[in-house]
Amino acid sequence: MEQSELESKVQTLETGLAVQEAAMAGAQATQAATQAGMTSTFGATQAGTWSVMVVGSVALVVGMFLGITIAKN
């Protein structure tokens, strides 16, 4: 093989490796973004669940006192 052919093959291999590395970096970034999204979604779900429970509890207590007040009249 001539030196130009070897240089061409080496350049082709280097390009292929660079593409693989870029694809791997992209996959890792996508995975990290997915995990961050799942974590924030879980946090928002927890916050929503707790807020619904608190509002329901407050409404129950207010309803009980309102019912007692109406029953006395």
N, C-alpha and C. Protein backbone atom coordinates (compact mmCIF):
# COMPACT_ATOMS: atom_id res chain seq x y z
N MET A 1 0.84 -1.19 0.00
CA MET A 1 0.00 0.00 0.00
C MET A 1 0.87 1.24 0.00
N GLU A 2 0.39 2.21 -0.67
CA GLU A 2 1.11 3.46 -0.68
C GLU A 2 0.79 4.26 0.57
N GLN A 3 1.62 5.21 0.84
CA GLN A 3 1.44 6.02 2.05
C GLN A 3 0.15 6.84 1.97
N SER A 4 -0.22 7.31 0.81
CA SER A 4 -1.45 8.09 0.67
C SER A 4 -2.68 7.24 0.97
N GLU A 5 -2.63 5.95 0.57
CA GLU A 5 -3.75 5.05 0.88
C GLU A 5 -3.85 4.81 2.38
N LEU A 6 -2.71 4.63 3.02
CA LEU A 6 -2.69 4.43 4.47
C LEU A 6 -3.21 5.67 5.19
N GLU A 7 -2.76 6.83 4.75
CA GLU A 7 -3.23 8.07 5.36
C GLU A 7 -4.73 8.23 5.19
N SER A 8 -5.24 7.86 4.02
CA SER A 8 -6.67 7.94 3.75
C SER A 8 -7.45 7.00 4.67
N LYS A 9 -6.94 5.77 4.85
CA LYS A 9 -7.61 4.81 5.72
C LYS A 9 -7.56 5.26 7.18
N VAL A 10 -6.44 5.80 7.61
CA VAL A 10 -6.31 6.30 8.98
C VAL A 10 -7.29 7.46 9.19
N GLN A 11 -7.38 8.34 8.22
CA GLN A 11 -8.30 9.47 8.33
C GLN A 11 -9.75 8.99 8.40
N THR A 12 -10.07 7.97 7.60
CA THR A 12 -11.42 7.41 7.62
C THR A 12 -11.72 6.79 8.98
N LEU A 13 -10.77 6.07 9.54
CA LEU A 13 -10.94 5.48 10.88
C LEU A 13 -11.09 6.56 11.95
N GLU A 14 -10.29 7.60 11.86
CA GLU A 14 -10.38 8.70 12.84
C GLU A 14 -11.74 9.37 12.75
N THR A 15 -12.23 9.56 11.54
CA THR A 15 -13.55 10.16 11.36
C THR A 15 -14.64 9.27 11.96
N GLY A 16 -14.53 7.97 11.72
CA GLY A 16 -15.50 7.02 12.28
C GLY A 16 -15.48 7.05 13.80
N LEU A 17 -14.31 7.10 14.39
CA LEU A 17 -14.20 7.16 15.85
C LEU A 17 -14.79 8.47 16.38
N ALA A 18 -14.54 9.55 15.70
CA ALA A 18 -15.09 10.84 16.14
C ALA A 18 -16.61 10.82 16.09
N VAL A 19 -17.16 10.20 15.07
CA VAL A 19 -18.62 10.10 14.95
C VAL A 19 -19.18 9.24 16.08
N GLN A 20 -18.51 8.12 16.39
CA GLN A 20 -18.95 7.26 17.49
C GLN A 20 -18.90 8.00 18.82
N GLU A 21 -17.84 8.74 19.05
CA GLU A 21 -17.70 9.50 20.31
C GLU A 21 -18.79 10.56 20.41
N ALA A 22 -19.08 11.23 19.32
CA ALA A 22 -20.14 12.24 19.33
C ALA A 22 -21.50 11.62 19.59
N ALA A 23 -21.74 10.45 18.99
CA ALA A 23 -23.01 9.76 19.20
C ALA A 23 -23.13 9.32 20.66
N MET A 24 -22.06 8.84 21.24
CA MET A 24 -22.07 8.42 22.64
C MET A 24 -22.32 9.61 23.56
N ALA A 25 -21.67 10.72 23.27
CA ALA A 25 -21.88 11.92 24.08
C ALA A 25 -23.33 12.39 23.97
N GLY A 26 -23.89 12.33 22.79
CA GLY A 26 -25.29 12.70 22.60
C GLY A 26 -26.23 11.79 23.36
N ALA A 27 -25.93 10.50 23.34
CA ALA A 27 -26.77 9.54 24.06
C ALA A 27 -26.70 9.78 25.56
N GLN A 28 -25.51 10.07 26.06
CA GLN A 28 -25.36 10.34 27.49
C GLN A 28 -26.09 11.63 27.89
N ALA A 29 -26.01 12.64 27.05
CA ALA A 29 -26.72 13.89 27.33
C ALA A 29 -28.22 13.67 27.32
N THR A 30 -28.70 12.87 26.38
CA THR A 30 -30.12 12.56 26.33
C THR A 30 -30.57 11.81 27.57
N GLN A 31 -29.76 10.86 28.01
CA GLN A 31 -30.09 10.09 29.21
C GLN A 31 -30.13 10.99 30.44
N ALA A 32 -29.16 11.89 30.54
CA ALA A 32 -29.13 12.81 31.68
C ALA A 32 -30.36 13.73 31.67
N ALA A 33 -30.73 14.20 30.50
CA ALA A 33 -31.91 15.07 30.40
C ALA A 33 -33.18 14.30 30.74
N THR A 34 -33.25 13.05 30.33
CA THR A 34 -34.41 12.22 30.63
C THR A 34 -34.53 11.99 32.13
N GLN A 35 -33.42 11.71 32.77
CA GLN A 35 -33.44 11.50 34.23
C GLN A 35 -33.83 12.77 34.96
N ALA A 36 -33.32 13.91 34.49
CA ALA A 36 -33.69 15.18 35.13
C ALA A 36 -35.18 15.45 34.95
N GLY A 37 -35.70 15.16 33.78
CA GLY A 37 -37.13 15.34 33.54
C GLY A 37 -37.98 14.43 34.39
N MET A 38 -37.55 13.18 34.54
CA MET A 38 -38.30 12.25 35.37
C MET A 38 -38.28 12.69 36.83
N THR A 39 -37.14 13.18 37.29
CA THR A 39 -37.03 13.64 38.67
C THR A 39 -37.94 14.84 38.92
N SER A 40 -37.94 15.79 38.00
CA SER A 40 -38.78 16.97 38.20
C SER A 40 -40.26 16.61 38.09
N THR A 41 -40.59 15.67 37.21
CA THR A 41 -41.98 15.23 37.10
C THR A 41 -42.43 14.55 38.38
N PHE A 42 -41.57 13.70 38.94
CA PHE A 42 -41.90 13.02 40.19
C PHE A 42 -42.09 14.05 41.31
N GLY A 43 -41.21 15.04 41.37
CA GLY A 43 -41.35 16.09 42.40
C GLY A 43 -42.64 16.87 42.25
N ALA A 44 -42.99 17.19 41.02
CA ALA A 44 -44.23 17.93 40.79
C ALA A 44 -45.45 17.08 41.14
N THR A 45 -45.37 15.80 40.85
CA THR A 45 -46.47 14.90 41.19
C THR A 45 -46.65 14.81 42.70
N GLN A 46 -45.53 14.69 43.41
CA GLN A 46 -45.60 14.63 44.87
C GLN A 46 -46.18 15.93 45.44
N ALA A 47 -45.71 17.06 44.94
CA ALA A 47 -46.22 18.34 45.42
C ALA A 47 -47.71 18.48 45.13
N GLY A 48 -48.12 18.06 43.95
CA GLY A 48 -49.54 18.12 43.60
C GLY A 48 -50.39 17.23 44.48
N THR A 49 -49.89 16.05 44.76
CA THR A 49 -50.63 15.11 45.61
C THR A 49 -50.80 15.70 47.02
N TRP A 50 -49.72 16.22 47.57
CA TRP A 50 -49.79 16.79 48.92
C TRP A 50 -50.70 18.01 48.96
N SER A 51 -50.64 18.85 47.93
CA SER A 51 -51.50 20.03 47.94
C SER A 51 -52.97 19.65 47.85
N VAL A 52 -53.29 18.62 47.07
CA VAL A 52 -54.68 18.16 46.98
C VAL A 52 -55.14 17.61 48.32
N MET A 53 -54.28 16.86 49.00
CA MET A 53 -54.65 16.31 50.30
C MET A 53 -54.85 17.42 51.33
N VAL A 54 -53.99 18.43 51.31
CA VAL A 54 -54.13 19.54 52.26
C VAL A 54 -55.42 20.31 51.99
N VAL A 55 -55.69 20.62 50.75
CA VAL A 55 -56.91 21.35 50.40
C VAL A 55 -58.14 20.53 50.79
N GLY A 56 -58.10 19.24 50.54
CA GLY A 56 -59.23 18.39 50.92
C GLY A 56 -59.44 18.35 52.42
N SER A 57 -58.36 18.29 53.16
CA SER A 57 -58.47 18.27 54.63
C SER A 57 -59.03 19.58 55.16
N VAL A 58 -58.55 20.68 54.62
CA VAL A 58 -59.05 21.99 55.04
C VAL A 58 -60.54 22.11 54.71
N ALA A 59 -60.92 21.66 53.52
CA ALA A 59 -62.33 21.73 53.14
C ALA A 59 -63.19 20.85 54.05
N LEU A 60 -62.67 19.71 54.45
CA LEU A 60 -63.41 18.84 55.37
C LEU A 60 -63.63 19.52 56.71
N VAL A 61 -62.58 20.12 57.27
CA VAL A 61 -62.70 20.78 58.58
C VAL A 61 -63.64 21.98 58.48
N VAL A 62 -63.51 22.77 57.43
CA VAL A 62 -64.40 23.92 57.25
C VAL A 62 -65.84 23.44 57.09
N GLY A 63 -66.03 22.39 56.33
CA GLY A 63 -67.38 21.84 56.15
C GLY A 63 -67.97 21.33 57.45
N MET A 64 -67.15 20.72 58.29
CA MET A 64 -67.65 20.24 59.59
C MET A 64 -68.11 21.40 60.46
N PHE A 65 -67.27 22.45 60.55
CA PHE A 65 -67.65 23.59 61.37
C PHE A 65 -68.86 24.31 60.79
N LEU A 66 -68.93 24.40 59.47
CA LEU A 66 -70.07 25.02 58.84
C LEU A 66 -71.33 24.21 59.11
N GLY A 67 -71.22 22.88 59.03
CA GLY A 67 -72.35 22.02 59.32
C GLY A 67 -72.83 22.15 60.77
N ILE A 68 -71.87 22.24 61.70
CA ILE A 68 -72.22 22.41 63.12
C ILE A 68 -72.93 23.74 63.33
N THR A 69 -72.41 24.78 62.68
CA THR A 69 -73.01 26.11 62.82
C THR A 69 -74.42 26.12 62.25
N ILE A 70 -74.60 25.51 61.12
CA ILE A 70 -75.95 25.48 60.51
C ILE A 70 -76.89 24.63 61.36
N ALA A 71 -76.40 23.52 61.91
CA ALA A 71 -77.24 22.64 62.73
C ALA A 71 -77.70 23.33 64.02
N LYS A 72 -76.88 24.24 64.56
CA LYS A 72 -77.24 24.93 65.79
C LYS A 72 -78.37 25.92 65.55
N ASN A 73 -78.44 26.45 64.35
CA ASN A 73 -79.47 27.44 64.03
C ASN A 73 -80.71 26.71 63.70
